[in-house]
Amino acid sequence: MRTTRLLIVDDEPDFTALLKENLEESGNFLVRQVNDSSLALKAAKEFRPHLCIVDVVMPGMDGGDVVAQIREEPGLSKVPVMMLTALVEENPNSKDGETQTGGLPFVSKTSGFDTILACIEKHLEEGA
């Protein structure tokens, strides 16, 4: 069974550390966290994630800037991206709680871990 690499880009170290710990305990995930959005592209090039989880609001480069850099990079342009943000609430009309905006899935940081995990697994399957 292969180990799935997840890259989390979020300026909240406590949040990313907790999410990383939960993901690594829940399954076959190897997680790298980046808490400075200006380092996200470099980390993605080195780590070669199967999925990027990106916060929207961050100092310096925001999530949209990070996604644009990833999309422009050959070898990373097809990597699925999931936005995880406090700006949206869990979508009650979606079985996995996500909202699609601008072609990207948005998931609320206030969602339970099982909801976040279900969205991650869904987008990994779509990207496979």
N, C-alpha and C. Protein backbone atom coordinates (compact mmCIF):
# COMPACT_ATOMS: atom_id res chain seq x y z
N MET A 1 0.85 -1.19 0.00
CA MET A 1 0.00 0.00 0.00
C MET A 1 0.89 1.24 0.00
N ARG A 2 0.60 2.17 -0.91
CA ARG A 2 1.44 3.36 -1.00
C ARG A 2 1.08 4.38 0.08
N THR A 3 2.06 5.16 0.45
CA THR A 3 1.82 6.24 1.39
C THR A 3 1.40 7.46 0.60
N THR A 4 0.30 8.06 1.00
CA THR A 4 -0.22 9.24 0.33
C THR A 4 0.37 10.48 0.98
N ARG A 5 0.97 11.34 0.15
CA ARG A 5 1.60 12.56 0.64
C ARG A 5 0.61 13.74 0.56
N LEU A 6 0.42 14.40 1.70
CA LEU A 6 -0.46 15.56 1.78
C LEU A 6 0.37 16.78 2.21
N LEU A 7 0.18 17.89 1.52
CA LEU A 7 0.84 19.14 1.89
C LEU A 7 -0.22 20.09 2.43
N ILE A 8 -0.02 20.55 3.66
CA ILE A 8 -0.92 21.52 4.28
C ILE A 8 -0.22 22.87 4.31
N VAL A 9 -0.86 23.88 3.74
CA VAL A 9 -0.33 25.24 3.74
C VAL A 9 -1.31 26.10 4.52
N ASP A 10 -0.90 26.54 5.70
CA ASP A 10 -1.77 27.31 6.58
C ASP A 10 -0.87 28.06 7.56
N ASP A 11 -1.22 29.30 7.87
CA ASP A 11 -0.37 30.12 8.74
C ASP A 11 -0.61 29.87 10.23
N GLU A 12 -1.45 28.90 10.57
CA GLU A 12 -1.72 28.59 11.97
C GLU A 12 -1.01 27.30 12.37
N PRO A 13 0.19 27.38 12.97
CA PRO A 13 0.96 26.18 13.31
C PRO A 13 0.23 25.20 14.22
N ASP A 14 -0.54 25.69 15.18
CA ASP A 14 -1.26 24.78 16.08
C ASP A 14 -2.30 23.97 15.31
N PHE A 15 -3.01 24.64 14.39
CA PHE A 15 -4.02 23.96 13.58
C PHE A 15 -3.37 22.92 12.67
N THR A 16 -2.30 23.29 11.98
CA THR A 16 -1.68 22.36 11.04
C THR A 16 -1.05 21.17 11.78
N ALA A 17 -0.47 21.42 12.95
CA ALA A 17 0.13 20.33 13.72
C ALA A 17 -0.93 19.32 14.15
N LEU A 18 -2.09 19.81 14.60
CA LEU A 18 -3.18 18.93 15.02
C LEU A 18 -3.74 18.16 13.82
N LEU A 19 -3.94 18.84 12.71
CA LEU A 19 -4.46 18.18 11.51
C LEU A 19 -3.47 17.12 11.02
N LYS A 20 -2.19 17.47 11.01
CA LYS A 20 -1.16 16.52 10.59
C LYS A 20 -1.19 15.27 11.48
N GLU A 21 -1.23 15.48 12.78
CA GLU A 21 -1.23 14.35 13.72
C GLU A 21 -2.45 13.46 13.49
N ASN A 22 -3.62 14.07 13.35
CA ASN A 22 -4.85 13.29 13.13
C ASN A 22 -4.80 12.53 11.80
N LEU A 23 -4.31 13.17 10.75
CA LEU A 23 -4.24 12.51 9.45
C LEU A 23 -3.27 11.35 9.47
N GLU A 24 -2.10 11.56 10.07
CA GLU A 24 -1.10 10.49 10.08
C GLU A 24 -1.56 9.31 10.95
N GLU A 25 -2.33 9.59 12.00
CA GLU A 25 -2.86 8.51 12.83
C GLU A 25 -4.02 7.78 12.17
N SER A 26 -4.73 8.45 11.26
CA SER A 26 -5.95 7.89 10.69
C SER A 26 -5.71 6.93 9.53
N GLY A 27 -4.54 6.99 8.94
CA GLY A 27 -4.37 6.14 7.78
C GLY A 27 -2.97 6.19 7.24
N ASN A 28 -2.88 5.94 5.98
CA ASN A 28 -1.59 5.81 5.32
C ASN A 28 -1.15 7.14 4.71
N PHE A 29 -1.08 8.18 5.56
CA PHE A 29 -0.72 9.52 5.10
C PHE A 29 0.63 9.94 5.65
N LEU A 30 1.38 10.60 4.80
CA LEU A 30 2.58 11.31 5.21
C LEU A 30 2.27 12.78 4.96
N VAL A 31 2.35 13.60 6.01
CA VAL A 31 1.89 14.99 5.92
C VAL A 31 3.06 15.94 6.17
N ARG A 32 3.17 16.93 5.30
CA ARG A 32 4.12 18.02 5.53
C ARG A 32 3.31 19.29 5.71
N GLN A 33 3.65 20.05 6.74
CA GLN A 33 2.97 21.32 6.99
C GLN A 33 3.90 22.47 6.68
N VAL A 34 3.34 23.50 6.06
CA VAL A 34 4.07 24.72 5.74
C VAL A 34 3.26 25.87 6.33
N ASN A 35 3.87 26.63 7.22
CA ASN A 35 3.15 27.71 7.88
C ASN A 35 3.51 29.09 7.35
N ASP A 36 4.29 29.13 6.29
CA ASP A 36 4.65 30.37 5.61
C ASP A 36 4.32 30.18 4.14
N SER A 37 3.29 30.88 3.67
CA SER A 37 2.80 30.64 2.31
C SER A 37 3.85 30.91 1.24
N SER A 38 4.83 31.75 1.53
CA SER A 38 5.88 32.03 0.53
C SER A 38 6.79 30.81 0.30
N LEU A 39 6.72 29.82 1.21
CA LEU A 39 7.53 28.61 1.07
C LEU A 39 6.75 27.44 0.49
N ALA A 40 5.48 27.66 0.16
CA ALA A 40 4.61 26.57 -0.28
C ALA A 40 5.07 25.93 -1.58
N LEU A 41 5.42 26.73 -2.57
CA LEU A 41 5.82 26.17 -3.86
C LEU A 41 7.09 25.35 -3.73
N LYS A 42 8.06 25.86 -3.01
CA LYS A 42 9.31 25.13 -2.79
C LYS A 42 9.03 23.78 -2.11
N ALA A 43 8.18 23.80 -1.09
CA ALA A 43 7.83 22.57 -0.38
C ALA A 43 7.11 21.60 -1.31
N ALA A 44 6.21 22.10 -2.15
CA ALA A 44 5.47 21.24 -3.07
C ALA A 44 6.41 20.60 -4.09
N LYS A 45 7.37 21.36 -4.58
CA LYS A 45 8.33 20.80 -5.55
C LYS A 45 9.16 19.69 -4.91
N GLU A 46 9.58 19.88 -3.67
CA GLU A 46 10.41 18.88 -2.97
C GLU A 46 9.60 17.67 -2.54
N PHE A 47 8.39 17.89 -2.03
CA PHE A 47 7.59 16.85 -1.39
C PHE A 47 6.74 16.05 -2.38
N ARG A 48 6.38 16.67 -3.51
CA ARG A 48 5.55 16.03 -4.54
C ARG A 48 4.26 15.45 -3.95
N PRO A 49 3.41 16.31 -3.39
CA PRO A 49 2.20 15.80 -2.73
C PRO A 49 1.19 15.21 -3.71
N HIS A 50 0.37 14.32 -3.19
CA HIS A 50 -0.75 13.78 -3.95
C HIS A 50 -1.96 14.71 -3.85
N LEU A 51 -1.96 15.57 -2.82
CA LEU A 51 -3.04 16.53 -2.59
C LEU A 51 -2.48 17.69 -1.77
N CYS A 52 -2.89 18.92 -2.13
CA CYS A 52 -2.53 20.11 -1.36
C CYS A 52 -3.78 20.62 -0.65
N ILE A 53 -3.62 20.93 0.62
CA ILE A 53 -4.70 21.49 1.44
C ILE A 53 -4.24 22.90 1.79
N VAL A 54 -4.98 23.91 1.32
CA VAL A 54 -4.51 25.29 1.40
C VAL A 54 -5.54 26.18 2.10
N ASP A 55 -5.06 26.96 3.07
CA ASP A 55 -5.90 27.97 3.72
C ASP A 55 -6.09 29.13 2.75
N VAL A 56 -7.17 29.88 2.91
CA VAL A 56 -7.43 31.02 2.02
C VAL A 56 -6.73 32.28 2.52
N VAL A 57 -6.97 32.63 3.79
CA VAL A 57 -6.46 33.89 4.33
C VAL A 57 -5.15 33.64 5.06
N MET A 58 -4.06 34.18 4.49
CA MET A 58 -2.74 34.08 5.11
C MET A 58 -2.00 35.38 4.83
N PRO A 59 -1.10 35.77 5.72
CA PRO A 59 -0.31 36.98 5.46
C PRO A 59 0.63 36.78 4.28
N GLY A 60 0.93 37.84 3.58
CA GLY A 60 1.79 37.73 2.40
C GLY A 60 0.99 37.17 1.25
N MET A 61 1.32 35.97 0.84
CA MET A 61 0.58 35.30 -0.23
C MET A 61 -0.66 34.63 0.34
N ASP A 62 -1.82 34.91 -0.26
CA ASP A 62 -3.02 34.21 0.20
C ASP A 62 -3.16 32.88 -0.53
N GLY A 63 -4.17 32.12 -0.16
CA GLY A 63 -4.36 30.80 -0.72
C GLY A 63 -4.51 30.80 -2.23
N GLY A 64 -5.18 31.82 -2.77
CA GLY A 64 -5.34 31.91 -4.22
C GLY A 64 -4.00 32.05 -4.92
N ASP A 65 -3.10 32.83 -4.33
CA ASP A 65 -1.75 32.99 -4.90
C ASP A 65 -0.99 31.67 -4.86
N VAL A 66 -1.11 30.94 -3.76
CA VAL A 66 -0.43 29.66 -3.61
C VAL A 66 -0.94 28.68 -4.68
N VAL A 67 -2.26 28.60 -4.83
CA VAL A 67 -2.84 27.70 -5.82
C VAL A 67 -2.38 28.08 -7.22
N ALA A 68 -2.34 29.38 -7.52
CA ALA A 68 -1.90 29.82 -8.85
C ALA A 68 -0.46 29.38 -9.11
N GLN A 69 0.41 29.50 -8.11
CA GLN A 69 1.80 29.06 -8.29
C GLN A 69 1.87 27.55 -8.54
N ILE A 70 1.11 26.79 -7.79
CA ILE A 70 1.11 25.34 -7.96
C ILE A 70 0.60 24.97 -9.35
N ARG A 71 -0.47 25.62 -9.79
CA ARG A 71 -1.07 25.33 -11.10
C ARG A 71 -0.12 25.66 -12.26
N GLU A 72 0.74 26.65 -12.06
CA GLU A 72 1.66 27.08 -13.12
C GLU A 72 2.91 26.21 -13.20
N GLU A 73 3.12 25.37 -12.20
CA GLU A 73 4.35 24.58 -12.12
C GLU A 73 4.18 23.24 -12.84
N PRO A 74 5.00 23.00 -13.90
CA PRO A 74 4.92 21.69 -14.55
C PRO A 74 5.21 20.59 -13.52
N GLY A 75 4.48 19.53 -13.59
CA GLY A 75 4.66 18.44 -12.63
C GLY A 75 3.78 18.58 -11.40
N LEU A 76 3.25 19.78 -11.16
CA LEU A 76 2.35 19.99 -10.03
C LEU A 76 0.97 20.46 -10.49
N SER A 77 0.86 20.85 -11.74
CA SER A 77 -0.36 21.49 -12.22
C SER A 77 -1.61 20.61 -12.09
N LYS A 78 -1.44 19.31 -12.07
CA LYS A 78 -2.59 18.40 -11.98
C LYS A 78 -2.85 17.89 -10.56
N VAL A 79 -2.02 18.33 -9.60
CA VAL A 79 -2.21 17.89 -8.20
C VAL A 79 -3.52 18.49 -7.68
N PRO A 80 -4.42 17.66 -7.14
CA PRO A 80 -5.67 18.20 -6.59
C PRO A 80 -5.39 19.16 -5.43
N VAL A 81 -6.22 20.20 -5.36
CA VAL A 81 -6.11 21.19 -4.29
C VAL A 81 -7.46 21.30 -3.60
N MET A 82 -7.41 21.35 -2.29
CA MET A 82 -8.61 21.52 -1.47
C MET A 82 -8.37 22.73 -0.58
N MET A 83 -9.30 23.66 -0.57
CA MET A 83 -9.19 24.84 0.27
C MET A 83 -9.85 24.54 1.62
N LEU A 84 -9.14 24.79 2.70
CA LEU A 84 -9.65 24.56 4.04
C LEU A 84 -9.60 25.90 4.75
N THR A 85 -10.77 26.47 5.06
CA THR A 85 -10.81 27.85 5.52
C THR A 85 -11.92 28.09 6.54
N ALA A 86 -11.72 29.11 7.34
CA ALA A 86 -12.76 29.53 8.29
C ALA A 86 -13.77 30.44 7.61
N LEU A 87 -13.54 30.80 6.33
CA LEU A 87 -14.43 31.73 5.63
C LEU A 87 -15.74 31.10 5.17
N VAL A 88 -15.80 29.78 5.14
CA VAL A 88 -17.04 29.13 4.75
C VAL A 88 -17.54 28.26 5.89
N GLU A 89 -18.84 28.06 5.91
CA GLU A 89 -19.43 27.13 6.87
C GLU A 89 -19.64 25.81 6.16
N GLU A 90 -19.77 24.77 6.93
CA GLU A 90 -20.03 23.46 6.35
C GLU A 90 -21.32 23.52 5.54
N ASN A 91 -21.26 23.02 4.32
CA ASN A 91 -22.40 23.06 3.42
C ASN A 91 -23.40 21.96 3.78
N PRO A 92 -24.59 22.33 4.29
CA PRO A 92 -25.56 21.30 4.69
C PRO A 92 -26.18 20.58 3.50
N ASN A 93 -26.03 21.15 2.30
CA ASN A 93 -26.61 20.54 1.10
C ASN A 93 -25.66 19.58 0.41
N SER A 94 -24.49 19.37 0.99
CA SER A 94 -23.49 18.49 0.41
C SER A 94 -23.21 17.37 1.40
N LYS A 95 -23.18 16.12 0.90
CA LYS A 95 -22.97 15.00 1.83
C LYS A 95 -21.60 15.05 2.49
N ASP A 96 -20.62 15.72 1.85
CA ASP A 96 -19.29 15.82 2.46
C ASP A 96 -19.01 17.21 3.03
N GLY A 97 -20.01 18.08 3.04
CA GLY A 97 -19.86 19.38 3.69
C GLY A 97 -19.10 20.42 2.91
N GLU A 98 -18.69 20.10 1.68
CA GLU A 98 -17.88 21.06 0.95
C GLU A 98 -18.71 21.95 0.04
N THR A 99 -18.12 23.07 -0.34
CA THR A 99 -18.70 24.01 -1.28
C THR A 99 -17.72 24.14 -2.43
N GLN A 100 -18.21 24.13 -3.66
CA GLN A 100 -17.35 24.33 -4.83
C GLN A 100 -17.40 25.81 -5.21
N THR A 101 -16.24 26.45 -5.32
CA THR A 101 -16.16 27.84 -5.74
C THR A 101 -14.97 27.98 -6.67
N GLY A 102 -15.21 28.53 -7.85
CA GLY A 102 -14.12 28.72 -8.81
C GLY A 102 -13.43 27.43 -9.19
N GLY A 103 -14.18 26.32 -9.18
CA GLY A 103 -13.60 25.04 -9.55
C GLY A 103 -12.80 24.36 -8.46
N LEU A 104 -12.77 24.95 -7.27
CA LEU A 104 -12.03 24.36 -6.14
C LEU A 104 -13.00 24.00 -5.02
N PRO A 105 -12.73 22.89 -4.35
CA PRO A 105 -13.55 22.55 -3.18
C PRO A 105 -13.12 23.37 -1.97
N PHE A 106 -14.09 23.93 -1.28
CA PHE A 106 -13.84 24.67 -0.05
C PHE A 106 -14.49 23.90 1.09
N VAL A 107 -13.70 23.67 2.15
CA VAL A 107 -14.18 22.95 3.32
C VAL A 107 -13.94 23.84 4.54
N SER A 108 -14.90 23.86 5.44
CA SER A 108 -14.78 24.69 6.63
C SER A 108 -13.82 24.09 7.65
N LYS A 109 -12.98 24.95 8.22
CA LYS A 109 -12.09 24.51 9.29
C LYS A 109 -12.87 24.06 10.52
N THR A 110 -14.12 24.51 10.62
CA THR A 110 -14.93 24.13 11.77
C THR A 110 -15.59 22.77 11.59
N SER A 111 -15.43 22.17 10.41
CA SER A 111 -15.98 20.83 10.18
C SER A 111 -15.27 19.83 11.07
N GLY A 112 -15.96 18.76 11.39
CA GLY A 112 -15.34 17.69 12.16
C GLY A 112 -14.26 17.01 11.35
N PHE A 113 -13.35 16.34 12.03
CA PHE A 113 -12.24 15.67 11.35
C PHE A 113 -12.74 14.65 10.34
N ASP A 114 -13.79 13.91 10.66
CA ASP A 114 -14.31 12.90 9.73
C ASP A 114 -14.77 13.53 8.43
N THR A 115 -15.36 14.72 8.50
CA THR A 115 -15.80 15.44 7.30
C THR A 115 -14.60 15.87 6.48
N ILE A 116 -13.59 16.42 7.13
CA ILE A 116 -12.38 16.85 6.43
C ILE A 116 -11.70 15.64 5.78
N LEU A 117 -11.60 14.55 6.51
CA LEU A 117 -10.99 13.33 5.98
C LEU A 117 -11.77 12.81 4.77
N ALA A 118 -13.09 12.82 4.84
CA ALA A 118 -13.91 12.35 3.72
C ALA A 118 -13.65 13.20 2.47
N CYS A 119 -13.51 14.50 2.64
CA CYS A 119 -13.22 15.38 1.50
C CYS A 119 -11.84 15.10 0.93
N ILE A 120 -10.86 14.88 1.79
CA ILE A 120 -9.52 14.54 1.34
C ILE A 120 -9.55 13.26 0.52
N GLU A 121 -10.20 12.24 1.05
CA GLU A 121 -10.25 10.95 0.35
C GLU A 121 -10.99 11.07 -0.99
N LYS A 122 -12.06 11.86 -1.02
CA LYS A 122 -12.81 12.08 -2.25
C LYS A 122 -11.92 12.70 -3.33
N HIS A 123 -11.15 13.72 -2.96
CA HIS A 123 -10.34 14.42 -3.96
C HIS A 123 -9.08 13.63 -4.33
N LEU A 124 -8.62 12.78 -3.46
CA LEU A 124 -7.53 11.88 -3.83
C LEU A 124 -8.00 10.87 -4.87
N GLU A 125 -9.21 10.36 -4.70
CA GLU A 125 -9.77 9.41 -5.66
C GLU A 125 -9.99 10.07 -7.01
N GLU A 126 -10.47 11.31 -7.00
CA GLU A 126 -10.72 12.04 -8.25
C GLU A 126 -9.41 12.33 -8.98
N GLY A 127 -8.36 12.58 -8.21
CA GLY A 127 -7.06 12.92 -8.81
C GLY A 127 -6.25 11.72 -9.25
N ALA A 128 -6.68 10.52 -8.85
CA ALA A 128 -5.92 9.31 -9.16
C ALA A 128 -6.04 8.92 -10.63
